[in-house]
Amino acid sequence: MACATILSGCLAIPPKDTTPEMRDDYLAAVASVGCVMRSEKQYLPVELQAGLTREQAVALTEYHLASGKAEKLPGDQGVKLMTGACA
């Protein structure tokens, strides 16, 4: 997650291989797991519900971090989404 680590060098541009519908499905899926992405326990259901690959789910998480719509949790405990149903 290079963008998650070095936000200043990243542009908040949605991943090229995702559509607006895929991004909406991602938001709904993350909301369904409690708005926090910590481990396989959250990533796998999000991927399955939204029809995403792991790379796409990670890229969308990085995009939301870069755009300020998600925040890293203290102690490397994952990422909390703060947009859509998670706002």
N, C-alpha and C. Protein backbone atom coordinates (compact mmCIF):
# COMPACT_ATOMS: atom_id res chain seq x y z
N MET A 1 0.82 -1.19 0.00
CA MET A 1 0.00 0.00 0.00
C MET A 1 0.87 1.25 0.00
N ALA A 2 1.55 1.47 -1.06
CA ALA A 2 2.45 2.60 -1.15
C ALA A 2 1.72 3.92 -0.96
N CYS A 3 0.54 4.06 -1.55
CA CYS A 3 -0.21 5.30 -1.41
C CYS A 3 -0.67 5.52 0.02
N ALA A 4 -1.00 4.45 0.71
CA ALA A 4 -1.44 4.59 2.09
C ALA A 4 -0.31 5.07 2.97
N THR A 5 0.90 4.72 2.62
CA THR A 5 2.06 5.09 3.41
C THR A 5 2.55 6.49 3.06
N ILE A 6 2.54 6.82 1.79
CA ILE A 6 3.07 8.10 1.34
C ILE A 6 1.97 8.86 0.60
N LEU A 7 1.04 9.40 1.35
CA LEU A 7 -0.11 10.06 0.75
C LEU A 7 0.25 11.30 -0.03
N SER A 8 1.30 11.99 0.36
CA SER A 8 1.62 13.25 -0.30
C SER A 8 1.98 13.06 -1.76
N GLY A 9 2.44 11.89 -2.16
CA GLY A 9 2.82 11.66 -3.54
C GLY A 9 1.72 11.04 -4.37
N CYS A 10 0.55 10.84 -3.82
CA CYS A 10 -0.54 10.17 -4.54
C CYS A 10 -1.63 11.15 -4.93
N LEU A 11 -2.19 10.92 -6.08
CA LEU A 11 -3.35 11.69 -6.50
C LEU A 11 -4.59 10.88 -6.18
N ALA A 12 -5.63 11.55 -5.77
CA ALA A 12 -6.87 10.86 -5.44
C ALA A 12 -7.68 10.62 -6.71
N ILE A 13 -7.21 9.69 -7.52
CA ILE A 13 -7.86 9.32 -8.76
C ILE A 13 -8.31 7.87 -8.63
N PRO A 14 -9.58 7.59 -8.92
CA PRO A 14 -10.04 6.20 -8.81
C PRO A 14 -9.19 5.26 -9.66
N PRO A 15 -9.00 4.03 -9.21
CA PRO A 15 -8.23 3.07 -10.00
C PRO A 15 -8.81 2.92 -11.40
N LYS A 16 -7.95 2.85 -12.40
CA LYS A 16 -8.38 2.80 -13.80
C LYS A 16 -9.22 1.58 -14.12
N ASP A 17 -8.97 0.47 -13.45
CA ASP A 17 -9.68 -0.77 -13.79
C ASP A 17 -10.97 -0.94 -13.00
N THR A 18 -11.52 0.17 -12.47
CA THR A 18 -12.79 0.11 -11.76
C THR A 18 -13.79 1.08 -12.38
N THR A 19 -15.03 0.68 -12.35
CA THR A 19 -16.11 1.52 -12.88
C THR A 19 -16.81 2.21 -11.71
N PRO A 20 -17.61 3.22 -11.99
CA PRO A 20 -18.39 3.85 -10.91
C PRO A 20 -19.26 2.83 -10.18
N GLU A 21 -19.85 1.88 -10.91
CA GLU A 21 -20.68 0.86 -10.27
C GLU A 21 -19.84 -0.02 -9.33
N MET A 22 -18.64 -0.38 -9.75
CA MET A 22 -17.75 -1.19 -8.90
C MET A 22 -17.38 -0.41 -7.63
N ARG A 23 -17.16 0.89 -7.79
CA ARG A 23 -16.80 1.71 -6.62
C ARG A 23 -17.99 1.81 -5.66
N ASP A 24 -19.20 1.93 -6.19
CA ASP A 24 -20.40 1.95 -5.34
C ASP A 24 -20.59 0.60 -4.64
N ASP A 25 -20.36 -0.49 -5.37
CA ASP A 25 -20.48 -1.82 -4.78
C ASP A 25 -19.45 -2.01 -3.67
N TYR A 26 -18.25 -1.48 -3.86
CA TYR A 26 -17.21 -1.54 -2.83
C TYR A 26 -17.68 -0.82 -1.57
N LEU A 27 -18.23 0.38 -1.72
CA LEU A 27 -18.70 1.14 -0.56
C LEU A 27 -19.78 0.39 0.20
N ALA A 28 -20.73 -0.20 -0.53
CA ALA A 28 -21.80 -0.95 0.11
C ALA A 28 -21.24 -2.19 0.82
N ALA A 29 -20.30 -2.85 0.19
CA ALA A 29 -19.71 -4.06 0.79
C ALA A 29 -18.91 -3.73 2.04
N VAL A 30 -18.15 -2.64 2.01
CA VAL A 30 -17.38 -2.24 3.20
C VAL A 30 -18.34 -1.88 4.33
N ALA A 31 -19.42 -1.20 4.01
CA ALA A 31 -20.42 -0.88 5.04
C ALA A 31 -20.98 -2.15 5.66
N SER A 32 -21.16 -3.19 4.86
CA SER A 32 -21.74 -4.44 5.36
C SER A 32 -20.82 -5.18 6.32
N VAL A 33 -19.52 -4.87 6.31
CA VAL A 33 -18.59 -5.52 7.24
C VAL A 33 -18.21 -4.58 8.39
N GLY A 34 -18.96 -3.50 8.56
CA GLY A 34 -18.74 -2.60 9.68
C GLY A 34 -17.84 -1.42 9.39
N CYS A 35 -17.57 -1.14 8.14
CA CYS A 35 -16.80 0.05 7.70
C CYS A 35 -15.31 -0.02 8.00
N VAL A 36 -14.82 -1.12 8.53
CA VAL A 36 -13.40 -1.26 8.85
C VAL A 36 -12.82 -2.44 8.10
N MET A 37 -11.70 -2.18 7.42
CA MET A 37 -10.98 -3.22 6.70
C MET A 37 -9.71 -3.53 7.49
N ARG A 38 -9.68 -4.72 8.13
CA ARG A 38 -8.53 -5.08 8.96
C ARG A 38 -7.75 -6.26 8.40
N SER A 39 -8.48 -7.27 7.95
CA SER A 39 -7.81 -8.52 7.59
C SER A 39 -8.63 -9.26 6.54
N GLU A 40 -8.22 -10.49 6.30
CA GLU A 40 -8.93 -11.36 5.36
C GLU A 40 -10.41 -11.46 5.71
N LYS A 41 -10.71 -11.40 7.01
CA LYS A 41 -12.10 -11.51 7.48
C LYS A 41 -12.99 -10.41 6.87
N GLN A 42 -12.42 -9.25 6.58
CA GLN A 42 -13.19 -8.17 5.96
C GLN A 42 -12.95 -8.12 4.44
N TYR A 43 -11.71 -8.31 4.01
CA TYR A 43 -11.42 -8.17 2.59
C TYR A 43 -12.15 -9.20 1.74
N LEU A 44 -12.18 -10.46 2.17
CA LEU A 44 -12.81 -11.50 1.36
C LEU A 44 -14.30 -11.23 1.13
N PRO A 45 -15.09 -10.93 2.17
CA PRO A 45 -16.51 -10.62 1.90
C PRO A 45 -16.69 -9.39 1.01
N VAL A 46 -15.84 -8.39 1.18
CA VAL A 46 -15.94 -7.19 0.34
C VAL A 46 -15.67 -7.56 -1.11
N GLU A 47 -14.62 -8.34 -1.34
CA GLU A 47 -14.30 -8.76 -2.70
C GLU A 47 -15.45 -9.55 -3.33
N LEU A 48 -15.99 -10.49 -2.57
CA LEU A 48 -17.07 -11.34 -3.10
C LEU A 48 -18.34 -10.54 -3.36
N GLN A 49 -18.73 -9.69 -2.41
CA GLN A 49 -19.95 -8.90 -2.57
C GLN A 49 -19.86 -7.90 -3.71
N ALA A 50 -18.69 -7.30 -3.86
CA ALA A 50 -18.52 -6.25 -4.87
C ALA A 50 -18.02 -6.79 -6.21
N GLY A 51 -17.65 -8.07 -6.25
CA GLY A 51 -17.14 -8.65 -7.50
C GLY A 51 -15.78 -8.11 -7.88
N LEU A 52 -14.93 -7.88 -6.87
CA LEU A 52 -13.61 -7.30 -7.08
C LEU A 52 -12.51 -8.32 -6.86
N THR A 53 -11.37 -8.08 -7.47
CA THR A 53 -10.18 -8.84 -7.16
C THR A 53 -9.55 -8.24 -5.90
N ARG A 54 -8.63 -8.94 -5.28
CA ARG A 54 -7.93 -8.38 -4.11
C ARG A 54 -7.23 -7.09 -4.50
N GLU A 55 -6.60 -7.07 -5.67
CA GLU A 55 -5.88 -5.88 -6.12
C GLU A 55 -6.82 -4.69 -6.25
N GLN A 56 -8.01 -4.92 -6.78
CA GLN A 56 -8.97 -3.83 -6.92
C GLN A 56 -9.46 -3.35 -5.56
N ALA A 57 -9.72 -4.27 -4.64
CA ALA A 57 -10.16 -3.87 -3.30
C ALA A 57 -9.09 -3.06 -2.59
N VAL A 58 -7.84 -3.49 -2.71
CA VAL A 58 -6.74 -2.75 -2.09
C VAL A 58 -6.58 -1.38 -2.76
N ALA A 59 -6.68 -1.35 -4.09
CA ALA A 59 -6.55 -0.08 -4.81
C ALA A 59 -7.66 0.90 -4.42
N LEU A 60 -8.87 0.40 -4.26
CA LEU A 60 -9.97 1.28 -3.84
C LEU A 60 -9.77 1.76 -2.41
N THR A 61 -9.24 0.91 -1.55
CA THR A 61 -8.94 1.34 -0.18
C THR A 61 -7.87 2.43 -0.20
N GLU A 62 -6.83 2.24 -1.00
CA GLU A 62 -5.77 3.26 -1.14
C GLU A 62 -6.34 4.56 -1.69
N TYR A 63 -7.23 4.46 -2.66
CA TYR A 63 -7.87 5.65 -3.24
C TYR A 63 -8.63 6.42 -2.17
N HIS A 64 -9.39 5.72 -1.34
CA HIS A 64 -10.15 6.40 -0.29
C HIS A 64 -9.23 7.00 0.78
N LEU A 65 -8.12 6.35 1.06
CA LEU A 65 -7.13 6.94 1.97
C LEU A 65 -6.56 8.23 1.38
N ALA A 66 -6.17 8.17 0.11
CA ALA A 66 -5.57 9.33 -0.55
C ALA A 66 -6.54 10.50 -0.67
N SER A 67 -7.83 10.20 -0.80
CA SER A 67 -8.82 11.26 -0.97
C SER A 67 -9.38 11.75 0.36
N GLY A 68 -8.91 11.18 1.48
CA GLY A 68 -9.39 11.61 2.79
C GLY A 68 -10.73 11.02 3.18
N LYS A 69 -11.19 10.03 2.44
CA LYS A 69 -12.48 9.39 2.73
C LYS A 69 -12.32 8.13 3.57
N ALA A 70 -11.10 7.88 4.00
CA ALA A 70 -10.80 6.76 4.89
C ALA A 70 -9.60 7.16 5.73
N GLU A 71 -9.45 6.50 6.87
CA GLU A 71 -8.31 6.80 7.73
C GLU A 71 -7.69 5.51 8.23
N LYS A 72 -6.37 5.56 8.38
CA LYS A 72 -5.67 4.41 8.96
C LYS A 72 -5.95 4.40 10.46
N LEU A 73 -6.21 3.23 10.98
CA LEU A 73 -6.45 3.09 12.41
C LEU A 73 -5.12 2.99 13.15
N PRO A 74 -5.07 3.46 14.39
CA PRO A 74 -3.82 3.44 15.15
C PRO A 74 -3.27 2.02 15.30
N GLY A 75 -1.96 1.94 15.37
CA GLY A 75 -1.31 0.65 15.59
C GLY A 75 -1.45 -0.31 14.44
N ASP A 76 -1.58 0.21 13.22
CA ASP A 76 -1.72 -0.62 12.03
C ASP A 76 -2.87 -1.62 12.17
N GLN A 77 -3.99 -1.15 12.72
CA GLN A 77 -5.16 -2.00 12.94
C GLN A 77 -6.16 -1.96 11.79
N GLY A 78 -5.73 -1.50 10.64
CA GLY A 78 -6.60 -1.49 9.48
C GLY A 78 -6.97 -0.09 9.04
N VAL A 79 -8.04 -0.02 8.25
CA VAL A 79 -8.50 1.22 7.66
C VAL A 79 -10.01 1.35 7.90
N LYS A 80 -10.43 2.54 8.28
CA LYS A 80 -11.85 2.82 8.49
C LYS A 80 -12.34 3.74 7.38
N LEU A 81 -13.37 3.30 6.69
CA LEU A 81 -13.98 4.11 5.63
C LEU A 81 -14.87 5.17 6.28
N MET A 82 -14.88 6.38 5.73
CA MET A 82 -15.66 7.49 6.30
C MET A 82 -16.49 8.18 5.22
N THR A 83 -17.07 7.42 4.32
CA THR A 83 -17.87 7.97 3.24
C THR A 83 -19.04 7.03 2.96
N GLY A 84 -20.01 7.49 2.19
CA GLY A 84 -21.16 6.66 1.89
C GLY A 84 -21.91 6.28 3.17
N ALA A 85 -22.31 5.03 3.29
CA ALA A 85 -23.03 4.56 4.48
C ALA A 85 -22.14 4.56 5.72
N CYS A 86 -20.85 4.73 5.54
CA CYS A 86 -19.90 4.71 6.68
C CYS A 86 -19.62 6.12 7.20
N ALA A 87 -20.22 7.14 6.58
CA ALA A 87 -19.96 8.51 7.01
C ALA A 87 -20.59 8.81 8.35
